Amino acid sequence: MHSGAPSRRSAARRCWRPTKGLRAWTNLPNNLEVNWAKNNFHLQQLNAATCSSDGTSPQPAPAGFDVHQGTGSGLCNGLAATASWKFADHGEPGTNDTAEIHITGGCSLNVSGNLQGGNFQAHDGR
């Protein structure tokens, strides 16, 4: 997945591949980092991750899916926190791609909507 969104990387079997800020897989190991304002969340434990299709992209979706969704726990500003996210690739040029990120615990973040820059691109990890 390519992204100008404020999030980066996640877990082992690749289902999204970035050139700009975000890499997500559906299993371990994991690496998701979200930075905003003066806050930093770093994923330490991936609890769940799925790749699916929401029917919004051209059908069939070129990678076989267009949505990556996950949950996990980690540290935000050095304190325990949990996160959930949903990233959707809705075709080129990326203006309809969406991101949703919720973080609670050591800090708080609730954002969702269309990307303001960048472009998610789903890739089959095989």
N, C-alpha and C. Protein backbone atom coordinates (compact mmCIF):
# COMPACT_ATOMS: atom_id res chain seq x y z
N MET A 1 0.84 -1.17 0.00
CA MET A 1 0.00 0.00 0.00
C MET A 1 0.88 1.23 0.00
N HIS A 2 0.60 2.17 -0.86
CA HIS A 2 1.33 3.43 -0.88
C HIS A 2 0.51 4.44 -0.10
N SER A 3 1.17 5.30 0.68
CA SER A 3 0.38 6.21 1.49
C SER A 3 1.09 7.49 1.84
N GLY A 4 0.33 8.57 1.88
CA GLY A 4 0.78 9.83 2.45
C GLY A 4 0.10 10.02 3.78
N ALA A 5 -0.60 8.99 4.27
CA ALA A 5 -1.30 9.05 5.55
C ALA A 5 -0.31 8.97 6.71
N PRO A 6 -0.72 9.33 7.93
CA PRO A 6 0.21 9.39 9.05
C PRO A 6 0.47 8.03 9.68
N SER A 7 0.63 7.00 8.87
CA SER A 7 0.85 5.70 9.45
C SER A 7 1.87 4.93 8.65
N ARG A 8 2.56 3.98 9.30
CA ARG A 8 3.58 3.21 8.64
C ARG A 8 3.58 1.78 9.14
N ARG A 9 3.80 0.90 8.30
CA ARG A 9 4.10 -0.51 8.45
C ARG A 9 3.25 -1.33 9.42
N SER A 10 3.19 -2.59 9.18
CA SER A 10 2.50 -3.58 10.01
C SER A 10 3.03 -4.95 9.65
N ALA A 11 2.78 -5.97 9.85
CA ALA A 11 3.06 -7.40 10.00
C ALA A 11 3.46 -8.31 8.82
N ALA A 12 3.77 -9.58 8.91
CA ALA A 12 4.59 -10.42 8.01
C ALA A 12 4.12 -10.87 6.65
N ARG A 13 2.99 -11.49 6.43
CA ARG A 13 2.60 -11.86 5.07
C ARG A 13 2.09 -10.61 4.38
N ARG A 14 2.84 -10.11 3.44
CA ARG A 14 2.53 -8.81 2.84
C ARG A 14 1.24 -8.88 2.04
N CYS A 15 0.36 -7.91 2.32
CA CYS A 15 -0.79 -7.76 1.43
C CYS A 15 -0.90 -6.32 0.96
N TRP A 16 -0.12 -5.40 1.50
CA TRP A 16 -0.02 -4.04 0.99
C TRP A 16 1.46 -3.70 0.95
N ARG A 17 1.90 -2.97 -0.05
CA ARG A 17 3.31 -2.61 -0.15
C ARG A 17 3.44 -1.12 -0.41
N PRO A 18 4.18 -0.37 0.43
CA PRO A 18 4.23 1.08 0.26
C PRO A 18 5.46 1.57 -0.48
N THR A 19 5.38 2.75 -1.00
CA THR A 19 6.57 3.49 -1.34
C THR A 19 6.62 4.72 -0.46
N LYS A 20 5.58 4.97 0.28
CA LYS A 20 5.46 6.20 1.02
C LYS A 20 4.74 5.98 2.34
N GLY A 21 5.36 5.47 3.35
CA GLY A 21 4.82 5.53 4.69
C GLY A 21 4.08 4.36 5.27
N LEU A 22 3.60 3.38 4.53
CA LEU A 22 2.76 2.36 5.16
C LEU A 22 3.00 1.01 4.51
N ARG A 23 3.24 0.00 5.33
CA ARG A 23 3.34 -1.37 4.85
C ARG A 23 2.54 -2.24 5.81
N ALA A 24 1.61 -3.02 5.29
CA ALA A 24 0.75 -3.82 6.15
C ALA A 24 0.68 -5.26 5.64
N TRP A 25 0.71 -6.19 6.55
CA TRP A 25 0.56 -7.61 6.25
C TRP A 25 -0.54 -8.17 7.13
N THR A 26 -0.81 -9.46 7.02
CA THR A 26 -1.89 -10.05 7.80
C THR A 26 -1.42 -10.93 8.95
N ASN A 27 -0.12 -11.08 9.17
CA ASN A 27 0.34 -11.85 10.33
C ASN A 27 1.72 -11.38 10.76
N LEU A 28 2.31 -12.02 11.74
CA LEU A 28 3.55 -11.56 12.36
C LEU A 28 4.75 -11.73 11.45
N PRO A 29 5.88 -11.03 11.65
CA PRO A 29 6.08 -10.00 12.67
C PRO A 29 5.32 -8.74 12.31
N ASN A 30 5.30 -7.77 13.21
CA ASN A 30 4.49 -6.59 12.93
C ASN A 30 5.28 -5.31 13.13
N ASN A 31 4.85 -4.27 12.44
CA ASN A 31 5.47 -2.96 12.56
C ASN A 31 4.52 -1.92 12.02
N LEU A 32 3.85 -1.23 12.91
CA LEU A 32 2.98 -0.12 12.54
C LEU A 32 3.37 1.05 13.41
N GLU A 33 3.63 2.17 12.80
CA GLU A 33 3.98 3.38 13.55
C GLU A 33 3.10 4.51 13.05
N VAL A 34 2.50 5.25 13.98
CA VAL A 34 1.66 6.38 13.64
C VAL A 34 2.21 7.59 14.38
N ASN A 35 2.52 8.65 13.64
CA ASN A 35 3.04 9.89 14.22
C ASN A 35 2.11 11.03 13.88
N TRP A 36 1.74 11.84 14.88
CA TRP A 36 0.93 13.03 14.65
C TRP A 36 1.21 14.02 15.75
N ALA A 37 1.11 15.30 15.40
CA ALA A 37 1.43 16.37 16.35
C ALA A 37 2.75 16.00 17.03
N LYS A 38 2.77 15.89 18.34
CA LYS A 38 3.99 15.48 19.06
C LYS A 38 3.81 14.09 19.65
N ASN A 39 2.95 13.28 19.06
CA ASN A 39 2.65 11.94 19.56
C ASN A 39 3.25 10.88 18.65
N ASN A 40 3.49 9.68 19.24
CA ASN A 40 4.04 8.55 18.50
C ASN A 40 3.47 7.27 19.06
N PHE A 41 2.80 6.49 18.19
CA PHE A 41 2.33 5.15 18.56
C PHE A 41 3.18 4.14 17.80
N HIS A 42 3.64 3.11 18.51
CA HIS A 42 4.40 2.04 17.86
C HIS A 42 3.79 0.70 18.25
N LEU A 43 3.30 -0.05 17.26
CA LEU A 43 2.69 -1.36 17.48
C LEU A 43 3.72 -2.35 17.98
N GLN A 44 3.38 -3.07 19.05
CA GLN A 44 4.25 -4.13 19.57
C GLN A 44 3.64 -5.51 19.40
N GLN A 45 2.30 -5.60 19.40
CA GLN A 45 1.63 -6.89 19.29
C GLN A 45 0.46 -6.77 18.32
N LEU A 46 0.52 -7.50 17.22
CA LEU A 46 -0.59 -7.55 16.28
C LEU A 46 -1.61 -8.54 16.81
N ASN A 47 -2.84 -8.11 17.05
CA ASN A 47 -3.88 -9.01 17.56
C ASN A 47 -4.69 -9.65 16.44
N ALA A 48 -4.98 -8.89 15.42
CA ALA A 48 -5.76 -9.41 14.29
C ALA A 48 -5.51 -8.55 13.06
N ALA A 49 -5.55 -9.17 11.89
CA ALA A 49 -5.43 -8.43 10.64
C ALA A 49 -6.10 -9.23 9.53
N THR A 50 -6.82 -8.53 8.67
CA THR A 50 -7.50 -9.18 7.56
C THR A 50 -7.38 -8.35 6.30
N CYS A 51 -7.47 -9.02 5.17
CA CYS A 51 -7.57 -8.37 3.88
C CYS A 51 -8.90 -8.80 3.28
N SER A 52 -9.66 -7.85 2.75
CA SER A 52 -10.98 -8.16 2.21
C SER A 52 -11.30 -7.18 1.08
N SER A 53 -12.48 -7.35 0.52
CA SER A 53 -12.93 -6.43 -0.52
C SER A 53 -14.25 -5.82 -0.07
N ASP A 54 -14.36 -4.49 -0.19
CA ASP A 54 -15.61 -3.84 0.20
C ASP A 54 -16.49 -3.54 -1.01
N GLY A 55 -16.06 -3.96 -2.20
CA GLY A 55 -16.86 -3.79 -3.40
C GLY A 55 -16.78 -2.40 -4.01
N THR A 56 -15.97 -1.51 -3.42
CA THR A 56 -15.88 -0.14 -3.92
C THR A 56 -14.89 -0.02 -5.07
N SER A 57 -13.82 -0.81 -5.06
CA SER A 57 -12.82 -0.78 -6.12
C SER A 57 -13.36 -1.46 -7.37
N PRO A 58 -12.68 -1.25 -8.49
CA PRO A 58 -13.08 -2.01 -9.69
C PRO A 58 -13.12 -3.50 -9.35
N GLN A 59 -14.12 -4.20 -9.84
CA GLN A 59 -14.27 -5.61 -9.49
C GLN A 59 -13.88 -6.50 -10.67
N PRO A 60 -13.11 -7.55 -10.44
CA PRO A 60 -12.54 -7.85 -9.12
C PRO A 60 -11.38 -6.90 -8.82
N ALA A 61 -11.12 -6.68 -7.54
CA ALA A 61 -9.99 -5.84 -7.14
C ALA A 61 -8.71 -6.46 -7.69
N PRO A 62 -7.81 -5.68 -8.29
CA PRO A 62 -6.61 -6.23 -8.93
C PRO A 62 -5.79 -7.15 -8.03
N ALA A 63 -5.72 -6.87 -6.73
CA ALA A 63 -4.94 -7.70 -5.82
C ALA A 63 -5.81 -8.77 -5.15
N GLY A 64 -7.09 -8.81 -5.48
CA GLY A 64 -8.00 -9.76 -4.84
C GLY A 64 -8.61 -9.20 -3.56
N PHE A 65 -8.22 -8.01 -3.15
CA PHE A 65 -8.76 -7.33 -1.98
C PHE A 65 -8.47 -5.84 -2.15
N ASP A 66 -9.18 -5.02 -1.38
CA ASP A 66 -8.90 -3.59 -1.41
C ASP A 66 -8.92 -2.96 -0.02
N VAL A 67 -9.12 -3.77 1.01
CA VAL A 67 -9.19 -3.26 2.39
C VAL A 67 -8.26 -4.06 3.29
N HIS A 68 -7.45 -3.37 4.09
CA HIS A 68 -6.65 -4.00 5.14
C HIS A 68 -7.16 -3.44 6.47
N GLN A 69 -7.52 -4.35 7.39
CA GLN A 69 -8.06 -3.96 8.68
C GLN A 69 -7.31 -4.70 9.77
N GLY A 70 -7.04 -4.04 10.91
CA GLY A 70 -6.32 -4.71 11.97
C GLY A 70 -6.49 -4.07 13.33
N THR A 71 -6.03 -4.81 14.35
CA THR A 71 -6.02 -4.32 15.73
C THR A 71 -4.72 -4.78 16.37
N GLY A 72 -4.29 -4.02 17.39
CA GLY A 72 -3.08 -4.41 18.10
C GLY A 72 -2.83 -3.52 19.29
N SER A 73 -1.77 -3.87 20.02
CA SER A 73 -1.39 -3.08 21.19
C SER A 73 0.06 -2.66 21.05
N GLY A 74 0.41 -1.61 21.77
CA GLY A 74 1.77 -1.10 21.71
C GLY A 74 1.96 0.02 22.70
N LEU A 75 2.86 0.92 22.35
CA LEU A 75 3.15 2.07 23.21
C LEU A 75 2.86 3.36 22.47
N CYS A 76 2.26 4.30 23.18
CA CYS A 76 2.07 5.63 22.65
C CYS A 76 2.69 6.61 23.63
N ASN A 77 3.67 7.33 23.16
CA ASN A 77 4.42 8.24 24.02
C ASN A 77 4.98 7.49 25.23
N GLY A 78 5.34 6.21 25.03
CA GLY A 78 5.94 5.40 26.07
C GLY A 78 4.96 4.72 27.00
N LEU A 79 3.65 4.93 26.81
CA LEU A 79 2.62 4.34 27.66
C LEU A 79 1.80 3.31 26.89
N ALA A 80 1.25 2.31 27.60
CA ALA A 80 0.45 1.26 26.96
C ALA A 80 -0.73 1.86 26.20
N ALA A 81 -0.96 1.32 25.00
CA ALA A 81 -2.05 1.82 24.16
C ALA A 81 -2.52 0.70 23.23
N THR A 82 -3.74 0.85 22.72
CA THR A 82 -4.28 -0.08 21.72
C THR A 82 -4.67 0.70 20.48
N ALA A 83 -4.65 0.01 19.35
CA ALA A 83 -4.99 0.67 18.08
C ALA A 83 -5.84 -0.25 17.22
N SER A 84 -6.68 0.37 16.42
CA SER A 84 -7.39 -0.34 15.35
C SER A 84 -7.30 0.54 14.11
N TRP A 85 -7.31 -0.09 12.95
CA TRP A 85 -7.15 0.66 11.71
C TRP A 85 -7.87 -0.04 10.57
N LYS A 86 -8.17 0.75 9.56
CA LYS A 86 -8.77 0.23 8.33
C LYS A 86 -8.26 1.12 7.20
N PHE A 87 -7.60 0.52 6.23
CA PHE A 87 -7.06 1.24 5.08
C PHE A 87 -7.72 0.67 3.82
N ALA A 88 -8.23 1.54 2.97
CA ALA A 88 -8.94 1.07 1.77
C ALA A 88 -8.39 1.72 0.51
N ASP A 89 -8.09 0.89 -0.47
CA ASP A 89 -7.61 1.30 -1.79
C ASP A 89 -8.80 1.34 -2.73
N HIS A 90 -9.24 2.53 -3.13
CA HIS A 90 -10.41 2.66 -3.99
C HIS A 90 -10.03 3.16 -5.37
N GLY A 91 -8.90 2.64 -5.87
CA GLY A 91 -8.50 2.93 -7.24
C GLY A 91 -7.64 4.18 -7.39
N GLU A 92 -7.26 4.42 -8.63
CA GLU A 92 -6.39 5.55 -8.97
C GLU A 92 -7.23 6.80 -9.20
N PRO A 93 -6.70 7.96 -8.86
CA PRO A 93 -5.34 8.25 -8.43
C PRO A 93 -5.15 8.25 -6.91
N GLY A 94 -6.11 7.77 -6.15
CA GLY A 94 -5.99 7.73 -4.70
C GLY A 94 -6.87 8.72 -3.97
N THR A 95 -7.55 9.58 -4.70
CA THR A 95 -8.38 10.60 -4.05
C THR A 95 -9.58 10.00 -3.32
N ASN A 96 -9.97 8.77 -3.66
CA ASN A 96 -11.08 8.09 -2.97
C ASN A 96 -10.60 7.08 -1.94
N ASP A 97 -9.28 6.91 -1.79
CA ASP A 97 -8.74 6.00 -0.79
C ASP A 97 -9.05 6.54 0.60
N THR A 98 -9.31 5.63 1.55
CA THR A 98 -9.67 6.07 2.89
C THR A 98 -8.79 5.41 3.95
N ALA A 99 -8.66 6.12 5.07
CA ALA A 99 -7.93 5.61 6.23
C ALA A 99 -8.76 5.90 7.47
N GLU A 100 -8.74 4.94 8.39
CA GLU A 100 -9.40 5.10 9.68
C GLU A 100 -8.44 4.55 10.73
N ILE A 101 -8.09 5.36 11.72
CA ILE A 101 -7.16 4.95 12.78
C ILE A 101 -7.73 5.40 14.12
N HIS A 102 -7.79 4.46 15.07
CA HIS A 102 -8.25 4.76 16.43
C HIS A 102 -7.19 4.27 17.40
N ILE A 103 -6.72 5.14 18.27
CA ILE A 103 -5.72 4.79 19.29
C ILE A 103 -6.23 5.28 20.64
N THR A 104 -6.15 4.41 21.65
CA THR A 104 -6.54 4.79 23.01
C THR A 104 -5.48 4.28 23.98
N GLY A 105 -5.45 4.87 25.16
CA GLY A 105 -4.49 4.46 26.18
C GLY A 105 -3.53 5.59 26.47
N GLY A 106 -2.25 5.39 26.18
CA GLY A 106 -1.22 6.38 26.45
C GLY A 106 -1.41 7.68 25.70
N CYS A 107 -2.27 7.67 24.68
CA CYS A 107 -2.62 8.87 23.93
C CYS A 107 -3.95 8.58 23.25
N SER A 108 -4.49 9.54 22.57
CA SER A 108 -5.78 9.35 21.93
C SER A 108 -5.74 9.91 20.51
N LEU A 109 -6.24 9.12 19.57
CA LEU A 109 -6.35 9.56 18.18
C LEU A 109 -7.57 8.88 17.57
N ASN A 110 -8.41 9.65 16.93
CA ASN A 110 -9.56 9.14 16.19
C ASN A 110 -9.65 9.92 14.89
N VAL A 111 -9.20 9.31 13.81
CA VAL A 111 -9.24 9.97 12.51
C VAL A 111 -9.83 9.03 11.47
N SER A 112 -10.54 9.60 10.52
CA SER A 112 -11.05 8.82 9.40
C SER A 112 -11.37 9.76 8.26
N GLY A 113 -11.31 9.24 7.07
CA GLY A 113 -11.67 10.04 5.90
C GLY A 113 -10.78 9.73 4.71
N ASN A 114 -10.99 10.49 3.65
CA ASN A 114 -10.19 10.33 2.44
C ASN A 114 -8.77 10.84 2.67
N LEU A 115 -7.81 10.23 1.99
CA LEU A 115 -6.43 10.70 2.08
C LEU A 115 -6.36 12.12 1.54
N GLN A 116 -5.56 12.94 2.18
CA GLN A 116 -5.36 14.31 1.73
C GLN A 116 -4.17 14.40 0.78
N GLY A 117 -3.43 13.31 0.67
CA GLY A 117 -2.29 13.21 -0.23
C GLY A 117 -1.87 11.77 -0.27
N GLY A 118 -1.13 11.40 -1.27
CA GLY A 118 -0.67 10.02 -1.37
C GLY A 118 -1.69 9.12 -2.03
N ASN A 119 -1.46 7.82 -1.94
CA ASN A 119 -2.27 6.85 -2.65
C ASN A 119 -2.04 5.48 -2.06
N PHE A 120 -3.08 4.80 -1.60
CA PHE A 120 -2.94 3.41 -1.18
C PHE A 120 -2.96 2.54 -2.44
N GLN A 121 -2.13 1.51 -2.45
CA GLN A 121 -2.18 0.53 -3.54
C GLN A 121 -2.03 -0.86 -2.95
N ALA A 122 -3.08 -1.66 -3.09
CA ALA A 122 -3.06 -3.04 -2.61
C ALA A 122 -2.25 -3.89 -3.56
N HIS A 123 -1.42 -4.79 -3.00
CA HIS A 123 -0.62 -5.72 -3.79
C HIS A 123 -0.78 -7.11 -3.22
N ASP A 124 -0.90 -8.10 -4.08
CA ASP A 124 -0.92 -9.48 -3.65
C ASP A 124 0.48 -9.83 -3.16
N GLY A 125 0.59 -10.36 -1.94
CA GLY A 125 1.89 -10.66 -1.35
C GLY A 125 2.51 -11.96 -1.82
N ARG A 126 1.88 -12.69 -2.71
CA ARG A 126 2.45 -13.96 -3.17
C ARG A 126 3.62 -13.75 -4.08
